[in-house]
Amino acid sequence: MVDKKKIEEAVKLLLEGIGEDVNREGLKETPNRIARMYEEIFAGMDEVAETHLSKTFSSTGSEMVIEKDIVFYSTCEHHLMPFYGKAHVAYIPDGKVVGLSKLARCVEVYARRPQIQEQMTAQIADAIMDSLAPKGVMVMVEAEHMCMTMRGVKKPGSKTITLATRGNFVDNEMLQRHFFEAVRR
């Protein structure tokens, strides 16, 4: 749970540390605004993805299900700067399916934490694998990292792509190719 009072104190110290006057008109409410914002953008800290994935429906089909272009916003745990992009999620059901919005909610749970993209990709795949027990899962995340575009190397537009495969997707190039073709359409 977010401790707003601690965040407000930290923001005041940060502003003072960069040489600002925390009593200046434009900054008086900033610590409170930042605390409220952090409560929203780090809401995943208090959530469990499996809660969203627990409502399933019986299914006799075992064809690949793909939810693509799930937009997310996250925060790099190394610099506390945003990274954002799209997640693409596929699974092969084995007797049960989940509502499509629940896949997007799973992405949101892990995106709304201080995070690294590699870990987030794996967490999404593992949560789906553990909750649905499908034949396989594949997750691809494409993101632009502000810690690379706004500071440091300063390369706007560059994207980082991470992949996680589980179950039948691990060694099956045909399934992987089908996933990539569907995502690129």
C-alpha atoms as a PDB file:
ATOM      1  CA  MET A   1       0.000   0.000   0.000  1.00  0.00           C
ATOM      2  CA  VAL A   2       1.328   3.433  -0.954  1.00  0.00           C
ATOM      3  CA  ASP A   3       2.383   5.654   1.953  1.00  0.00           C
ATOM      4  CA  LYS A   4       1.396   9.092   0.627  1.00  0.00           C
ATOM      5  CA  LYS A   5       2.955  10.974   3.536  1.00  0.00           C
ATOM      6  CA  LYS A   6       6.390   9.401   2.916  1.00  0.00           C
ATOM      7  CA  ILE A   7       6.137  10.146  -0.803  1.00  0.00           C
ATOM      8  CA  GLU A   8       5.249  13.787  -0.114  1.00  0.00           C
ATOM      9  CA  GLU A   9       8.240  14.134   2.220  1.00  0.00           C
ATOM     10  CA  ALA A  10      10.532  12.498  -0.347  1.00  0.00           C
ATOM     11  CA  VAL A  11       9.325  14.786  -3.141  1.00  0.00           C
ATOM     12  CA  LYS A  12       9.954  17.857  -0.969  1.00  0.00           C
ATOM     13  CA  LEU A  13      13.500  16.630  -0.303  1.00  0.00           C
ATOM     14  CA  LEU A  14      14.030  15.943  -4.000  1.00  0.00           C
ATOM     15  CA  LEU A  15      12.847  19.423  -4.972  1.00  0.00           C
ATOM     16  CA  GLU A  16      15.094  20.981  -2.345  1.00  0.00           C
ATOM     17  CA  GLY A  17      17.941  18.767  -3.548  1.00  0.00           C
ATOM     18  CA  ILE A  18      17.735  20.175  -7.074  1.00  0.00           C
ATOM     19  CA  GLY A  19      17.685  23.705  -5.697  1.00  0.00           C
ATOM     20  CA  GLU A  20      13.967  24.487  -5.844  1.00  0.00           C
ATOM     21  CA  ASP A  21      11.883  26.430  -3.360  1.00  0.00           C
ATOM     22  CA  VAL A  22       9.182  23.988  -2.193  1.00  0.00           C
ATOM     23  CA  ASN A  23       7.050  26.935  -1.073  1.00  0.00           C
ATOM     24  CA  ARG A  24       6.984  28.446  -4.560  1.00  0.00           C
ATOM     25  CA  GLU A  25       3.406  28.770  -5.865  1.00  0.00           C
ATOM     26  CA  GLY A  26       3.842  26.250  -8.690  1.00  0.00           C
ATOM     27  CA  LEU A  27       5.357  23.647  -6.376  1.00  0.00           C
ATOM     28  CA  LYS A  28       3.230  23.922  -3.211  1.00  0.00           C
ATOM     29  CA  GLU A  29       0.836  21.126  -4.271  1.00  0.00           C
ATOM     30  CA  THR A  30       3.383  19.080  -6.222  1.00  0.00           C
ATOM     31  CA  PRO A  31       4.267  16.645  -3.405  1.00  0.00           C
ATOM     32  CA  ASN A  32       0.588  15.794  -2.941  1.00  0.00           C
ATOM     33  CA  ARG A  33       0.006  15.470  -6.698  1.00  0.00           C
ATOM     34  CA  ILE A  34       3.005  13.134  -7.014  1.00  0.00           C
ATOM     35  CA  ALA A  35       1.778  11.006  -4.081  1.00  0.00           C
ATOM     36  CA  ARG A  36      -1.655  10.618  -5.702  1.00  0.00           C
ATOM     37  CA  MET A  37      -0.048   9.827  -9.061  1.00  0.00           C
ATOM     38  CA  TYR A  38       2.193   7.151  -7.515  1.00  0.00           C
ATOM     39  CA  GLU A  39      -0.829   5.574  -5.867  1.00  0.00           C
ATOM     40  CA  GLU A  40      -2.310   5.175  -9.349  1.00  0.00           C
ATOM     41  CA  ILE A  41       0.753   4.147 -11.366  1.00  0.00           C
ATOM     42  CA  PHE A  42       1.953   1.653  -8.739  1.00  0.00           C
ATOM     43  CA  ALA A  43      -1.481   0.118  -8.079  1.00  0.00           C
ATOM     44  CA  GLY A  44      -0.145  -3.261  -9.222  1.00  0.00           C
ATOM     45  CA  MET A  45       1.853  -3.528  -6.004  1.00  0.00           C
ATOM     46  CA  ASP A  46      -1.351  -4.454  -4.173  1.00  0.00           C
ATOM     47  CA  GLU A  47      -2.793  -6.723  -6.880  1.00  0.00           C
ATOM     48  CA  VAL A  48      -2.363 -10.365  -7.784  1.00  0.00           C
ATOM     49  CA  ALA A  49      -2.744 -11.271 -11.461  1.00  0.00           C
ATOM     50  CA  GLU A  50      -4.180 -14.657 -10.591  1.00  0.00           C
ATOM     51  CA  THR A  51      -7.259 -12.909  -9.154  1.00  0.00           C
ATOM     52  CA  HIS A  52      -8.103 -11.596 -12.627  1.00  0.00           C
ATOM     53  CA  LEU A  53      -7.282 -14.900 -14.307  1.00  0.00           C
ATOM     54  CA  SER A  54      -9.347 -17.043 -11.924  1.00  0.00           C
ATOM     55  CA  LYS A  55     -12.691 -16.544 -13.713  1.00  0.00           C
ATOM     56  CA  THR A  56     -12.539 -19.145 -16.490  1.00  0.00           C
ATOM     57  CA  PHE A  57     -14.944 -20.812 -18.894  1.00  0.00           C
ATOM     58  CA  SER A  58     -14.957 -24.389 -20.162  1.00  0.00           C
ATOM     59  CA  SER A  59     -13.777 -24.785 -23.723  1.00  0.00           C
ATOM     60  CA  THR A  60     -13.330 -27.791 -25.970  1.00  0.00           C
ATOM     61  CA  GLY A  61     -11.250 -25.833 -28.451  1.00  0.00           C
ATOM     62  CA  SER A  62      -7.490 -25.866 -28.370  1.00  0.00           C
ATOM     63  CA  GLU A  63      -6.720 -23.255 -30.999  1.00  0.00           C
ATOM     64  CA  MET A  64      -4.357 -20.425 -30.187  1.00  0.00           C
ATOM     65  CA  VAL A  65      -5.907 -17.363 -28.533  1.00  0.00           C
ATOM     66  CA  ILE A  66      -4.059 -14.095 -29.148  1.00  0.00           C
ATOM     67  CA  GLU A  67      -4.675 -10.728 -27.526  1.00  0.00           C
ATOM     68  CA  LYS A  68      -2.378  -8.217 -29.206  1.00  0.00           C
ATOM     69  CA  ASP A  69      -1.537  -4.537 -28.868  1.00  0.00           C
ATOM     70  CA  ILE A  70      -2.277  -4.306 -25.152  1.00  0.00           C
ATOM     71  CA  VAL A  71      -0.992  -0.822 -24.383  1.00  0.00           C
ATOM     72  CA  PHE A  72       0.774  -0.467 -21.031  1.00  0.00           C
ATOM     73  CA  TYR A  73       2.743   2.106 -19.056  1.00  0.00           C
ATOM     74  CA  SER A  74       5.323   1.035 -16.510  1.00  0.00           C
ATOM     75  CA  THR A  75       8.179   2.486 -14.480  1.00  0.00           C
ATOM     76  CA  CYS A  76      11.797   1.388 -14.765  1.00  0.00           C
ATOM     77  CA  GLU A  77      12.994   0.291 -11.348  1.00  0.00           C
ATOM     78  CA  HIS A  78      16.547   1.451 -12.132  1.00  0.00           C
ATOM     79  CA  HIS A  79      15.776   5.119 -12.873  1.00  0.00           C
ATOM     80  CA  LEU A  80      12.111   5.504 -11.861  1.00  0.00           C
ATOM     81  CA  MET A  81      11.379   6.732 -15.378  1.00  0.00           C
ATOM     82  CA  PRO A  82       8.543   5.514 -17.590  1.00  0.00           C
ATOM     83  CA  PHE A  83       8.711   2.799 -20.179  1.00  0.00           C
ATOM     84  CA  TYR A  84       5.677   2.101 -22.309  1.00  0.00           C
ATOM     85  CA  GLY A  85       4.553   0.077 -25.263  1.00  0.00           C
ATOM     86  CA  LYS A  86       2.477  -2.914 -26.233  1.00  0.00           C
ATOM     87  CA  ALA A  87       2.191  -6.454 -24.968  1.00  0.00           C
ATOM     88  CA  HIS A  88       1.063  -9.342 -27.142  1.00  0.00           C
ATOM     89  CA  VAL A  89      -0.191 -12.461 -25.348  1.00  0.00           C
ATOM     90  CA  ALA A  90      -1.040 -15.897 -26.760  1.00  0.00           C
ATOM     91  CA  TYR A  91      -2.059 -19.143 -25.138  1.00  0.00           C
ATOM     92  CA  ILE A  92      -3.314 -22.531 -26.255  1.00  0.00           C
ATOM     93  CA  PRO A  93      -6.258 -23.548 -24.056  1.00  0.00           C
ATOM     94  CA  ASP A  94      -6.468 -26.969 -22.478  1.00  0.00           C
ATOM     95  CA  GLY A  95     -10.100 -27.196 -21.390  1.00  0.00           C
ATOM     96  CA  LYS A  96     -10.610 -23.641 -20.185  1.00  0.00           C
ATOM     97  CA  VAL A  97     -10.362 -20.062 -21.413  1.00  0.00           C
ATOM     98  CA  VAL A  98     -10.398 -16.704 -19.693  1.00  0.00           C
ATOM     99  CA  GLY A  99     -12.204 -13.512 -20.687  1.00  0.00           C
ATOM    100  CA  LEU A 100     -10.039 -11.461 -23.048  1.00  0.00           C
ATOM    101  CA  SER A 101     -10.094  -8.397 -20.807  1.00  0.00           C
ATOM    102  CA  LYS A 102      -8.474 -10.519 -18.097  1.00  0.00           C
ATOM    103  CA  LEU A 103      -5.325 -10.901 -20.217  1.00  0.00           C
ATOM    104  CA  ALA A 104      -5.065  -7.111 -20.407  1.00  0.00           C
ATOM    105  CA  ARG A 105      -5.636  -6.880 -16.648  1.00  0.00           C
ATOM    106  CA  CYS A 106      -2.825  -9.376 -16.098  1.00  0.00           C
ATOM    107  CA  VAL A 107      -0.487  -7.147 -18.115  1.00  0.00           C
ATOM    108  CA  GLU A 108      -1.593  -4.108 -16.073  1.00  0.00           C
ATOM    109  CA  VAL A 109      -0.907  -5.798 -12.729  1.00  0.00           C
ATOM    110  CA  TYR A 110       2.754  -6.324 -13.610  1.00  0.00           C
ATOM    111  CA  ALA A 111       3.173  -3.043 -15.498  1.00  0.00           C
ATOM    112  CA  ARG A 112       1.969  -1.009 -12.514  1.00  0.00           C
ATOM    113  CA  ARG A 113       5.029  -1.770 -10.397  1.00  0.00           C
ATOM    114  CA  PRO A 114       8.625  -0.599 -10.377  1.00  0.00           C
ATOM    115  CA  GLN A 115       9.768  -3.058 -12.981  1.00  0.00           C
ATOM    116  CA  ILE A 116      12.170  -4.216 -15.647  1.00  0.00           C
ATOM    117  CA  GLN A 117      10.730  -5.285 -18.975  1.00  0.00           C
ATOM    118  CA  GLU A 118      12.419  -8.688 -19.008  1.00  0.00           C
ATOM    119  CA  GLN A 119      10.910  -9.610 -15.656  1.00  0.00           C
ATOM    120  CA  MET A 120       7.473  -8.240 -16.549  1.00  0.00           C
ATOM    121  CA  THR A 121       7.350 -10.373 -19.710  1.00  0.00           C
ATOM    122  CA  ALA A 122       8.179 -13.534 -17.748  1.00  0.00           C
ATOM    123  CA  GLN A 123       5.725 -12.677 -14.948  1.00  0.00           C
ATOM    124  CA  ILE A 124       2.852 -12.323 -17.418  1.00  0.00           C
ATOM    125  CA  ALA A 125       3.679 -15.668 -19.061  1.00  0.00           C
ATOM    126  CA  ASP A 126       4.072 -17.445 -15.716  1.00  0.00           C
ATOM    127  CA  ALA A 127       0.806 -16.065 -14.304  1.00  0.00           C
ATOM    128  CA  ILE A 128      -1.147 -17.264 -17.339  1.00  0.00           C
ATOM    129  CA  MET A 129       0.593 -20.636 -17.297  1.00  0.00           C
ATOM    130  CA  ASP A 130      -0.036 -21.114 -13.568  1.00  0.00           C
ATOM    131  CA  SER A 131      -3.646 -19.882 -13.588  1.00  0.00           C
ATOM    132  CA  LEU A 132      -5.007 -21.425 -16.779  1.00  0.00           C
ATOM    133  CA  ALA A 133      -2.761 -24.498 -17.133  1.00  0.00           C
ATOM    134  CA  PRO A 134      -2.825 -24.078 -20.930  1.00  0.00           C
ATOM    135  CA  LYS A 135      -0.814 -26.181 -23.386  1.00  0.00           C
ATOM    136  CA  GLY A 136       1.452 -23.190 -23.938  1.00  0.00           C
ATOM    137  CA  VAL A 137       1.922 -19.439 -23.542  1.00  0.00           C
ATOM    138  CA  MET A 138       3.876 -16.857 -25.521  1.00  0.00           C
ATOM    139  CA  VAL A 139       4.280 -13.219 -24.535  1.00  0.00           C
ATOM    140  CA  MET A 140       6.046 -10.481 -26.483  1.00  0.00           C
ATOM    141  CA  VAL A 141       6.528  -6.987 -25.065  1.00  0.00           C
ATOM    142  CA  GLU A 142       7.713  -4.034 -27.171  1.00  0.00           C
ATOM    143  CA  ALA A 143       8.579  -0.875 -25.260  1.00  0.00           C
ATOM    144  CA  GLU A 144      10.307   2.459 -25.437  1.00  0.00           C
ATOM    145  CA  HIS A 145      12.273   3.347 -22.314  1.00  0.00           C
ATOM    146  CA  MET A 146      12.517   6.997 -21.305  1.00  0.00           C
ATOM    147  CA  CYS A 147      15.746   6.216 -19.425  1.00  0.00           C
ATOM    148  CA  MET A 148      17.242   5.528 -22.871  1.00  0.00           C
ATOM    149  CA  THR A 149      15.490   8.225 -24.872  1.00  0.00           C
ATOM    150  CA  MET A 150      15.464  11.216 -22.512  1.00  0.00           C
ATOM    151  CA  ARG A 151      18.800  10.716 -20.742  1.00  0.00           C
ATOM    152  CA  GLY A 152      21.927   8.628 -21.120  1.00  0.00           C
ATOM    153  CA  VAL A 153      22.342   7.432 -24.697  1.00  0.00           C
ATOM    154  CA  LYS A 154      19.397   9.618 -25.887  1.00  0.00           C
ATOM    155  CA  LYS A 155      18.029   7.410 -28.665  1.00  0.00           C
ATOM    156  CA  PRO A 156      14.308   8.262 -29.029  1.00  0.00           C
ATOM    157  CA  GLY A 157      12.255   5.777 -30.984  1.00  0.00           C
ATOM    158  CA  SER A 158      14.399   2.774 -30.106  1.00  0.00           C
ATOM    159  CA  LYS A 159      12.397  -0.177 -28.836  1.00  0.00           C
ATOM    160  CA  THR A 160      13.254  -3.092 -26.625  1.00  0.00           C
ATOM    161  CA  ILE A 161      11.552  -6.398 -27.419  1.00  0.00           C
ATOM    162  CA  THR A 162      11.323  -9.228 -24.913  1.00  0.00           C
ATOM    163  CA  LEU A 163       9.846 -12.693 -25.354  1.00  0.00           C
ATOM    164  CA  ALA A 164       8.740 -15.424 -22.999  1.00  0.00           C
ATOM    165  CA  THR A 165       7.658 -18.866 -24.146  1.00  0.00           C
ATOM    166  CA  ARG A 166       6.166 -21.617 -22.012  1.00  0.00           C
ATOM    167  CA  GLY A 167       4.853 -25.108 -22.744  1.00  0.00           C
ATOM    168  CA  ASN A 168       4.223 -25.967 -26.412  1.00  0.00           C
ATOM    169  CA  PHE A 169       5.655 -22.646 -27.607  1.00  0.00           C
ATOM    170  CA  VAL A 170       9.158 -23.348 -26.261  1.00  0.00           C
ATOM    171  CA  ASP A 171      10.501 -25.475 -29.122  1.00  0.00           C
ATOM    172  CA  ASN A 172       7.741 -25.229 -31.718  1.00  0.00           C
ATOM    173  CA  GLU A 173       8.914 -22.854 -34.446  1.00  0.00           C
ATOM    174  CA  MET A 174       5.638 -23.227 -36.353  1.00  0.00           C
ATOM    175  CA  LEU A 175       3.602 -21.997 -33.358  1.00  0.00           C
ATOM    176  CA  GLN A 176       6.053 -19.158 -32.794  1.00  0.00           C
ATOM    177  CA  ARG A 177       5.897 -18.141 -36.457  1.00  0.00           C
ATOM    178  CA  HIS A 178       2.070 -18.213 -36.375  1.00  0.00           C
ATOM    179  CA  PHE A 179       2.172 -15.936 -33.299  1.00  0.00           C
ATOM    180  CA  PHE A 180       4.592 -13.463 -34.937  1.00  0.00           C
ATOM    181  CA  GLU A 181       2.557 -13.359 -38.145  1.00  0.00           C
ATOM    182  CA  ALA A 182      -0.644 -12.630 -36.218  1.00  0.00           C
ATOM    183  CA  VAL A 183       1.002  -9.918 -34.128  1.00  0.00           C
ATOM    184  CA  ARG A 184       2.487  -8.167 -37.177  1.00  0.00           C
ATOM    185  CA  ARG A 185      -0.853  -7.951 -39.050  1.00  0.00           C
END
